[in-house]
Protein backbone atom coordinates (compact mmCIF):
# COMPACT_ATOMS: atom_id res chain seq x y z
CA UNK A 1 -0.94 -14.73 -8.50
CA UNK A 2 -3.23 -12.33 -6.66
CA UNK A 3 -5.43 -10.16 -8.86
CA UNK A 4 -5.47 -6.55 -7.73
CA UNK A 5 -8.63 -4.71 -8.78
CA UNK A 6 -9.11 -0.96 -8.42
CA UNK A 7 -12.35 0.97 -8.89
CA UNK A 8 -12.22 4.65 -9.87
CA UNK A 9 -15.34 6.67 -9.06
CA UNK A 10 -16.34 10.16 -8.05
CA UNK A 11 -18.95 12.83 -7.93
CA UNK A 12 -20.05 16.07 -6.38
CA UNK A 13 -19.60 16.37 -2.62
CA UNK A 14 -21.82 18.23 -0.15
CA UNK A 15 -18.76 20.16 1.02
CA UNK A 16 -15.13 20.16 -0.16
CA UNK A 17 -14.08 19.37 3.41
CA UNK A 18 -16.15 16.14 3.69
CA UNK A 19 -16.29 12.91 1.70
CA UNK A 20 -20.10 12.86 1.52
CA UNK A 21 -21.69 12.75 -1.94
CA UNK A 22 -24.39 15.31 -2.70
CA UNK A 23 -26.43 12.78 -4.74
CA UNK A 24 -25.36 9.13 -4.60
CA UNK A 25 -27.45 8.32 -7.67
CA UNK A 26 -25.16 10.59 -9.71
CA UNK A 27 -21.85 8.97 -8.75
CA UNK A 28 -19.67 8.67 -11.85
CA UNK A 29 -18.18 5.18 -12.17
CA UNK A 30 -15.05 5.68 -14.27
CA UNK A 31 -14.12 2.00 -14.36
CA UNK A 32 -12.39 -1.05 -12.90
CA UNK A 33 -8.65 -1.41 -13.44
CA UNK A 34 -6.28 -4.37 -13.04
CA UNK A 35 -3.46 -2.41 -11.40
CA UNK A 36 -2.90 0.76 -9.42
CA UNK A 37 -0.95 2.52 -12.18
CA UNK A 38 -3.82 2.36 -14.68
CA UNK A 39 -6.34 3.29 -11.96
CA UNK A 40 -4.20 6.26 -10.97
CA UNK A 41 -4.00 7.39 -14.59
CA UNK A 42 -7.81 7.24 -14.92
CA UNK A 43 -8.25 9.01 -11.56
CA UNK A 44 -5.81 11.75 -12.54
CA UNK A 45 -7.59 12.34 -15.85
CA UNK A 46 -10.98 12.78 -14.16
CA UNK A 47 -9.52 14.91 -11.35
CA UNK A 48 -7.85 17.21 -13.86
CA UNK A 49 -10.98 17.38 -16.02
CA UNK A 50 -13.04 18.61 -13.03
CA UNK A 51 -10.36 20.73 -11.33
CA UNK A 52 -12.45 23.92 -11.63
CA UNK A 53 -15.23 22.47 -9.45
CA UNK A 54 -14.04 22.35 -5.82
CA UNK A 55 -16.95 20.06 -4.91
CA UNK A 56 -15.98 17.30 -7.37
CA UNK A 57 -13.81 14.46 -6.05
CA UNK A 58 -12.62 11.19 -7.51
CA UNK A 59 -11.39 8.21 -5.52
CA UNK A 60 -9.56 4.93 -6.05
CA UNK A 61 -11.06 1.99 -4.15
CA UNK A 62 -8.84 -1.06 -3.63
CA UNK A 63 -11.43 -3.73 -4.44
CA UNK A 64 -8.90 -6.53 -4.03
CA UNK A 65 -8.71 -5.70 -0.32
CA UNK A 66 -12.45 -6.32 0.02
CA UNK A 67 -12.36 -9.77 -1.53
CA UNK A 68 -9.37 -11.27 0.27
CA UNK A 69 -10.94 -14.54 1.38
CA UNK A 70 -8.11 -15.37 3.78
CA UNK A 71 -8.66 -12.23 5.87
CA UNK A 72 -11.42 -12.55 8.46
CA UNK A 73 -14.37 -10.23 7.98
CA UNK A 74 -14.94 -7.25 10.24
CA UNK A 75 -18.02 -5.42 11.46
CA UNK A 76 -19.20 -2.45 9.42
CA UNK A 77 -20.02 1.01 10.69
CA UNK A 78 -23.65 0.57 9.63
CA UNK A 79 -24.02 -2.27 12.11
CA UNK A 80 -22.77 -0.05 14.93
CA UNK A 81 -19.82 -2.27 15.90
């Protein structure tokens, strides 16, 4: 059985129209969740808690997609490929 891990995190963005954090050292790590439903619930709670701040955004990262050992690795943007 494949384990599906989801990371919920967020923070203040430079602009509401871009996904660039204002201060990466202040990213709020909500937690790691074993399924999408529980991750979505945590994401929704944080998103609703910060709804009055247009610069705050929370995200769900599908960690299980990053650790699929059968999928060949790809170049990252940082490497310019």
